[in-house]
Each structure stands twice: as structure tokens, then as C-alpha cells.
Amino acid sequence: MARPRGAKPVKLFVGMLSSDHDLLRRARHLLTREYGEIDLESDFWRFDQTDYYEPEMGPDLQRWFISFTRLIRPDHLPQIKRLACEMEERIAGEALSEIPRPVNLDPGYLDLNKLVLGTTKDASHRIYVGNGIFAEVTLRYTQGGWQLLPWTYPDFRQSDYHVFFEKVRAAFREQRREFLNRHALEGEASE
């Protein structure tokens, strides 16, 4: 008989988008206060694969990814996405800018097999995960690399992103190994 089991921890990351590096650093600071130490950061990459965000965010957008040392439970994604939306509003309120949305924060997580993003928008390939938030598998890891899906965002199709997420996945693999070893030892100690 199948028995429900708790989910194993996953690796939190946040993709940040803005034309203002100072606001990106402000968002980074707020995120570290909430989620702790950052273990990996990407370069700043031009976000020019689409102009979707330009009406509310302006031109010359840059993408920046950070990942966190502390692992999370995957069912925390809705709360994390809601808090990211609140941080966006806070930064917009503090920024001296006429741009309505000067920073976009896209939290997600990865495990050894997939990269998942949280979103407020529903679509046929997204699943409601609670608290007004949907989740989608944006990339899957198979055959030794990140594989695209029909709905993978244009920027997530770039090889630079895949190289960065390979580093995040490698860090997660080591953290997961340590987590499982620690829990195995704790299980032996409690017997």
C-alpha cells in the first residue's frame, strides 16, 4: 500500500529583474534578511528576449539570480512568493521612480530533477499551490542537462541560465547528501 511521505528539502533561488542595480541590491538585502545567507549569485544578464515587462518596468532590464544556503520545504513556495510580492511593493513605494514596478522578484526552487517557479498567474500547465499562488515546472533535468518544456520562458532557454542552475544544482546535491546523512545518523541515535 502506498503511504504519503513528507517532501524532501529543496533549494530556494530568486530571479530578480530591474533596470536599476541599486534596487536589485536592495531586494537582495531584503531577501537575505528573510532567508539567510546566499551561496551563489549569477552575473547580471540583459533581459532582452521579450518586451513583456517594459510597459510596467521600463527598458534596459537586467536579470540577476541568487540562491540561498538554507534549504526549504517545497510547500513554502506560496508564502515565499507572497512575501516577494510584498517586497516588490515596498521597494516600489520607497523608490523615487515613476516606473510602477521597478523590481520584479521571481522565487522558485530546484531539486535534482526540476526547476519550479512560483507565479500569481494561472495557465493550463500550472498547478494551484495555495495562497493565491500557482507553480510550474519551468525546466527539467534529465540526460545530464536542463531540458526545455513547451512553456519555458524565453530567458530560461538561455545557456547562461543553464550553466548557473547547474552550479546551484551541484551545491544542492552536496547539501542534500549532508542532510540525508545527518538524518540517518539522528535516526540511528534515536534507536
Protein backbone atom coordinates (compact mmCIF):
# COMPACT_ATOMS: atom_id res chain seq x y z
CA MET A 1 0.00 0.00 0.00
CA ALA A 2 1.27 3.45 -0.87
CA ARG A 3 1.89 5.75 2.08
CA PRO A 4 2.11 9.54 1.89
CA ARG A 5 5.55 10.88 2.76
CA GLY A 6 6.80 14.34 3.50
CA ALA A 7 8.66 16.18 0.79
CA LYS A 8 12.43 16.40 0.98
CA PRO A 9 14.03 19.85 1.20
CA VAL A 10 14.71 21.85 -1.96
CA LYS A 11 16.99 24.73 -2.95
CA LEU A 12 15.48 28.23 -2.91
CA PHE A 13 16.52 30.78 -5.52
CA VAL A 14 15.15 34.14 -6.61
CA GLY A 15 15.35 35.69 -10.05
CA MET A 16 15.36 39.47 -9.83
CA LEU A 17 14.61 41.84 -12.67
CA SER A 18 15.17 45.61 -12.87
CA SER A 19 16.96 48.31 -14.81
CA ASP A 20 18.39 49.71 -11.55
CA HIS A 21 21.29 47.80 -9.96
CA ASP A 22 20.84 49.67 -6.67
CA LEU A 23 17.24 48.45 -6.41
CA LEU A 24 18.37 44.91 -7.21
CA ARG A 25 20.89 45.15 -4.37
CA ARG A 26 18.13 46.50 -2.10
CA ALA A 27 15.98 43.48 -2.98
CA ARG A 28 18.94 41.19 -2.31
CA HIS A 29 19.35 42.75 1.14
CA LEU A 30 15.66 42.27 1.99
CA LEU A 31 15.77 38.66 0.78
CA THR A 32 18.86 37.82 2.86
CA ARG A 33 17.21 39.26 5.96
CA GLU A 34 14.34 36.85 5.38
CA TYR A 35 16.07 33.72 4.01
CA GLY A 36 19.63 33.98 5.23
CA GLU A 37 22.99 33.58 3.57
CA ILE A 38 23.39 33.50 -0.20
CA ASP A 39 25.67 30.81 -1.58
CA LEU A 40 25.59 31.57 -5.32
CA GLU A 41 24.94 34.65 -7.47
CA SER A 42 24.75 34.92 -11.23
CA ASP A 43 26.15 37.70 -13.33
CA PHE A 44 23.81 40.49 -14.38
CA TRP A 45 22.29 39.46 -17.72
CA ARG A 46 20.45 41.58 -20.24
CA PHE A 47 16.77 40.74 -20.31
CA ASP A 48 16.03 41.34 -23.97
CA GLN A 49 14.28 38.13 -25.07
CA THR A 50 10.87 39.79 -24.71
CA ASP A 51 9.44 43.26 -24.08
CA TYR A 52 6.60 41.86 -21.93
CA TYR A 53 7.64 43.78 -18.78
CA GLU A 54 8.64 47.04 -20.47
CA PRO A 55 5.28 48.86 -20.02
CA GLU A 56 5.39 48.49 -16.21
CA MET A 57 9.16 48.19 -15.64
CA GLY A 58 10.76 50.32 -18.35
CA PRO A 59 13.57 49.46 -20.79
CA ASP A 60 17.09 48.05 -20.31
CA LEU A 61 16.13 45.37 -17.82
CA GLN A 62 18.75 43.15 -16.19
CA ARG A 63 18.23 39.67 -14.71
CA TRP A 64 20.13 38.56 -11.60
CA PHE A 65 19.77 35.24 -9.77
CA ILE A 66 20.69 34.39 -6.20
CA SER A 67 20.38 31.10 -4.34
CA PHE A 68 20.29 30.55 -0.61
CA THR A 69 22.31 28.28 1.63
CA ARG A 70 19.32 27.28 3.75
CA LEU A 71 17.11 24.64 2.16
CA ILE A 72 13.32 24.99 2.26
CA ARG A 73 10.30 22.75 2.08
CA PRO A 74 8.61 22.94 -1.34
CA ASP A 75 5.25 23.68 0.24
CA HIS A 76 6.67 27.01 1.47
CA LEU A 77 6.72 28.38 -2.10
CA PRO A 78 3.31 30.11 -1.82
CA GLN A 79 4.36 32.06 1.28
CA ILE A 80 7.71 32.93 -0.30
CA LYS A 81 6.05 34.21 -3.49
CA ARG A 82 3.54 36.27 -1.46
CA LEU A 83 6.38 37.81 0.54
CA ALA A 84 8.25 38.54 -2.72
CA CYS A 85 5.17 40.44 -3.98
CA GLU A 86 5.12 42.44 -0.73
CA MET A 87 8.83 43.22 -1.12
CA GLU A 88 8.22 44.42 -4.68
CA GLU A 89 5.53 46.80 -3.39
CA ARG A 90 7.78 48.01 -0.58
CA ILE A 91 10.65 48.73 -2.95
CA ALA A 92 8.29 50.49 -5.38
CA GLY A 93 6.98 52.65 -2.53
CA GLU A 94 10.49 53.60 -1.39
CA ALA A 95 11.94 54.15 -4.89
CA LEU A 96 11.97 57.65 -6.27
CA SER A 97 10.82 56.48 -9.67
CA GLU A 98 7.86 56.96 -11.95
CA ILE A 99 8.13 53.33 -13.03
CA PRO A 100 5.18 51.45 -11.47
CA ARG A 101 7.13 48.23 -10.87
CA PRO A 102 10.84 48.97 -10.56
CA VAL A 103 11.73 45.43 -9.36
CA ASN A 104 10.31 42.01 -10.17
CA LEU A 105 11.10 39.12 -7.80
CA ASP A 106 10.57 35.57 -9.05
CA PRO A 107 11.18 32.96 -6.35
CA GLY A 108 11.48 29.32 -7.19
CA TYR A 109 13.23 26.17 -6.15
CA LEU A 110 15.11 23.33 -7.68
CA ASP A 111 15.77 19.76 -6.77
CA LEU A 112 17.80 17.19 -8.66
CA ASN A 113 15.09 16.73 -11.31
CA LYS A 114 13.38 20.04 -11.90
CA LEU A 115 13.29 23.81 -11.56
CA VAL A 116 9.97 25.21 -10.29
CA LEU A 117 8.78 28.83 -10.35
CA GLY A 118 6.02 30.41 -8.30
CA THR A 119 3.61 32.77 -10.04
CA THR A 120 0.36 34.63 -9.44
CA LYS A 121 -0.91 33.79 -12.93
CA ASP A 122 -2.84 30.64 -13.82
CA ALA A 123 -2.30 28.70 -17.06
CA SER A 124 -3.05 25.20 -18.33
CA HIS A 125 0.38 23.88 -17.26
CA ARG A 126 0.36 25.44 -13.78
CA ILE A 127 -0.94 23.95 -10.56
CA TYR A 128 -2.54 25.91 -7.77
CA VAL A 129 -0.41 25.51 -4.63
CA GLY A 130 -2.38 27.75 -2.28
CA ASN A 131 -2.49 31.30 -1.00
CA GLY A 132 -3.22 32.71 -4.49
CA ILE A 133 -0.07 31.15 -5.96
CA PHE A 134 0.50 28.71 -8.82
CA ALA A 135 3.63 26.68 -9.57
CA GLU A 136 5.11 25.44 -12.80
CA VAL A 137 7.99 23.19 -13.69
CA THR A 138 9.97 25.54 -15.93
CA LEU A 139 12.95 23.27 -16.67
CA ARG A 140 13.56 19.60 -16.04
CA TYR A 141 16.90 17.93 -15.50
CA THR A 142 17.43 14.75 -17.49
CA GLN A 143 20.12 13.17 -19.65
CA GLY A 144 22.80 15.24 -17.92
CA GLY A 145 21.35 18.69 -18.54
CA TRP A 146 18.48 21.13 -18.27
CA GLN A 147 15.73 20.38 -20.77
CA LEU A 148 13.20 22.88 -22.09
CA LEU A 149 9.46 22.46 -21.92
CA PRO A 150 6.97 23.97 -24.38
CA TRP A 151 6.15 26.77 -21.90
CA THR A 152 9.69 27.51 -20.73
CA TYR A 153 10.11 31.30 -20.60
CA PRO A 154 12.31 32.77 -23.36
CA ASP A 155 15.02 33.90 -20.94
CA PHE A 156 15.12 30.49 -19.20
CA ARG A 157 16.04 28.97 -22.56
CA GLN A 158 19.47 30.64 -22.47
CA SER A 159 22.56 28.54 -21.89
CA ASP A 160 23.94 31.09 -19.36
CA TYR A 161 20.97 30.34 -17.12
CA HIS A 162 21.51 26.59 -17.51
CA VAL A 163 25.17 26.91 -16.54
CA PHE A 164 24.24 28.91 -13.44
CA PHE A 165 21.48 26.47 -12.44
CA GLU A 166 23.89 23.58 -12.92
CA LYS A 167 26.07 25.20 -10.23
CA VAL A 168 23.04 25.65 -7.98
CA ARG A 169 22.07 22.02 -8.57
CA ALA A 170 25.60 20.84 -7.70
CA ALA A 171 25.53 22.84 -4.46
CA PHE A 172 22.10 21.39 -3.70
CA ARG A 173 23.31 17.84 -4.39
CA GLU A 174 26.02 18.26 -1.74
CA GLN A 175 23.62 19.87 0.74
CA ARG A 176 21.09 17.09 0.17
CA ARG A 177 23.76 14.44 0.78
CA GLU A 178 24.72 16.12 4.07
CA PHE A 179 21.04 16.45 5.06
CA LEU A 180 20.31 12.78 4.39
CA ASN A 181 23.46 11.65 6.21
CA ARG A 182 22.62 13.83 9.21
CA HIS A 183 19.08 12.47 9.40
CA ALA A 184 20.28 8.90 9.02
CA LEU A 185 22.66 9.44 11.96
CA GLU A 186 19.89 11.05 14.02
CA GLY A 187 17.69 8.04 13.26
CA GLU A 188 20.41 5.66 14.48
CA ALA A 189 20.91 7.73 17.63
CA SER A 190 17.22 7.59 18.50
CA GLU A 191 17.02 3.78 18.20
